[in-house]
Amino acid sequence: MNSSFALIRIVFIIVSFLLCISSPGHAQQLLKKPVVVNVKQQPLLVVLNELSRQGKLHFSYTSDVVKNDSLVTVYAQHKSIKQVLDMLFGNTRQYREIGDHIIIQHVGPDPSRTYTVTGYVRDRTNGSSIANATVYEKQQFISTLTNNEGFFRLRLKSTERYITAITVSKDLYRDTTLTVLPGIDQEVPTITIRPADPVNLAPVDIGVDRTWLGKFFLSSKQRMQSINLKGFFANKPFQYSLVPGLGTHGHMDGQVINKFSINVIGGYAAGLHGFELGSVFNINKKEVSGFQAAGVFNITGGQVRGVQLAGVHNMVLDTLKGFQAAGAFNIVEGKVKGTQMAGVFNMAKDSMKGLQAAGAFNIVHGTVKGAQLAGAFNYTDSVQRGFQAAGGGNISTSDVEGLQMAGAFNYARRLKGVQIGIVNIADTSSGYSIGLVNIIKKGGYYRLAVSANELTPWNIAIKTGTKKFYGILLAGANTAHNHKLFSFGWGFGREWTMNQRLSLTTEFTSQNVYLGEWERMPLLTRILPSLNYRFGKYFSVFAGPALSIYNTQEAQPKTGYRQDKPGTIGWQAGISLF
C-alpha cells in the first residue's frame, strides 16, 4: 500500500467508525459471517480479497502484520471468517471490528512499538494556523506543541485499545478531541478549534511560571503548555526526573499531582500530596501537602500544608500552614499560620499567626498574632496578642496591642500595649512606652525641668511619654570647691492630676556620679514624690522630698570633689516648661 492509499483508507475508517457509533443499528458481527474458500498455494492477498467479497467487508492491516505475497493453502466449507483467519494465521493475530472493517493486529500490544500521528490545527472561524496549541493523549501522558504553521507530530505507544483519543487545547479556545487508530502511522484531517465564548474568558494567571526563577528554569514551551492545559490535571503515585521535562512524565510533568517525587537536579509538577526531594529545586504549580525539601529553592503556586525546607529560598504564592525554613529567605504571598525561619529574612504579604524568626528582618503586610524575632528589625501592619523583638527596631503601621521590644527604637501608630526601647514613637498611646526617649505625637507628655537638690544645685531633665508613664533623661552638677559632683542618668515617672492646676508626680531615677574618675563611679538611686502647681499652659513649679540610696562602688573621690556620703533623706524643687 502506498502512502496516499493508506491515508485514504485511514480517513475512511475513521468516518465509518463515527457513523457506526452514531447509528447503533448499523453494527454487525463481521467475524461470524460464513464463507466458502478453496485455495491451494495462492498469495495471501487473494484469500483476503475473496473473504472481503463474500463478507462484503474490508480488511485493514500493516505490512509487518500481513505479508500479502505469502503463499497459503486453505479449504473451508461454511466456516466463519474468524475461523478462516485462524487457519491462515493460527493464534498469532487478533481481530477488531470497526464499521465494515476488520483490523488485523499482532496478538497483544508491543510496548516497544510506536506510531506517529500528524496533522494541522486551524482556527474554525477564519482558517488561520494555530501556533503553540497543545496536542496530547491523556492516558499515555504524551504531548507536543504545534509550530507556526499549526503542524504537529505526536508519537504514541501501541496499546490494546484500537481507538485512541487525542485532545487539542489552546488558551482562549475550546478543547477539541478526536479519535485515531492505534498502531498505524497516520495524518489526521485538519483539526479546527473554536474560540471560547467571551463570557468564559478570564485574566491569565500562570502562577509559578511568572516568577523570575520559573522563567529561568522552565522553557517557553513548558510555560505555554501550562497556559493551554490550565484545566487538565492528573494524579500519579510517583515522579522521577532529572530536570523539568526530562522524567517519568515527560513534558506533561507540569500537569501531574504526585505522591512521591525525586528530582535529581530539579522537578516541575502540578502539585504534591506526599513527599518531594530535589537536590537543587522543586517547582509546583498548585498545592503542596506533606514534606518538601530542596538544596537551593522551592516554589509553590498554591497553598503549602506541612514542612518546606530549602538551602536558600522558599516561595509560596498562596498561604502557608505549617513550617517553613530556608538558609536565606522565605516569601509567602498570602497568610502564614505556623512558623517561618530564615537566615536573612521572612516575608508574609498577608497576616501571620505563629512565629517568624530571621537573622536580619521580618515583614508582615497584615496582622501579627504571635511573635516576630529578628536580629535587625521587624515590620508589620499591626500586632495583636503577640510581640515583636528585634536587635535594631520594630515598626507597626497600625495598632500594637502586645509588646514591642528593641535594642534601638519602636514605632506604632496606635499603641495599646507596651514599648521597650531606647527610643519609642507612637502617634497615639493608651499603653506604656518604656525608654530613654518616648515620643507620642498626639496627647503626649513633654516636660523640660530645671531643678535643685541637696547634692546638685543645677539639674536638668527631659521627660517624655504619657502622664501615666514617662521616661526621664537627666543630668546634674555641683561646682562648689571641695564639693564638686557631676551626675547623669535616666528614670521614669507618673503624674496624677488633682485639678486644673494641681497634680502629684512620683519619679524613680538612677544616676552615675562622677567624682574625678570614670572607672569606679558611685550609683545614686532616688525616689522623688512632688507636688506640682501649674501657672499656665507652659509653666509650672514643683517641690518635694527625696529618698536616696547611694552605692559607692569602692569609689575614691579625687581632691576637690565631694568626699562624704550623701544622706538618705533629701529634697528637690524646680520649674517645668511645656
Foldseek 3Di string as FASTA:
>chain_A
DDPVVVQVVFQVLQVLQVVCVVDVVQDDDLQFAWDWDFDFFAFPLVVQVRSCVVSVAEEDEDCVQGPRRGTDGDGDDRGGNNVRVCVVVPQQWDWDDGRRYIYIGGPFFDQVDKAKEKEFEAAPPPGQGDWLKWKAFVPQLWIDTAHNRRIDMTIGGAHPDQWTKIWIFAAQWDIDIGIGGGPYHYYDYYHHIYGDDPVPDDDDDQFPCPDPVNVVQPDPSLSRVCNRVVPAAEEDAEWEAAGAQGTDNHSSQQRYEYAEYEYAAEYHHQEYAHEYEHAAEYEHQEEYEYEYEYAAEYEYRYEYHEEYEYAAEYEYAEEYHYEYEYAAEYEYAAEYEEEYEYAAEYEYAEEYEYEYEYAAEYEYAYEYQEEYEYAAEYEYQEYDPYEYEYAHEYEHVEEYCEEYEYAAEYEYAEYNEEYEYQEYEYCYYPYYYHHQHYYHNPQKDWKWWFKQKPQFGTKIWIWIGHQAKIKIWMKGWDQDFLATKIKTWMWMKHWADDDPFKIKMKIWIKIWMDQPDDPQTKIKIKIWIWIWGDPDDFKIKIKDKIAIDIGRSPDDGDHRHHDDDDDGIMMMITMMTD
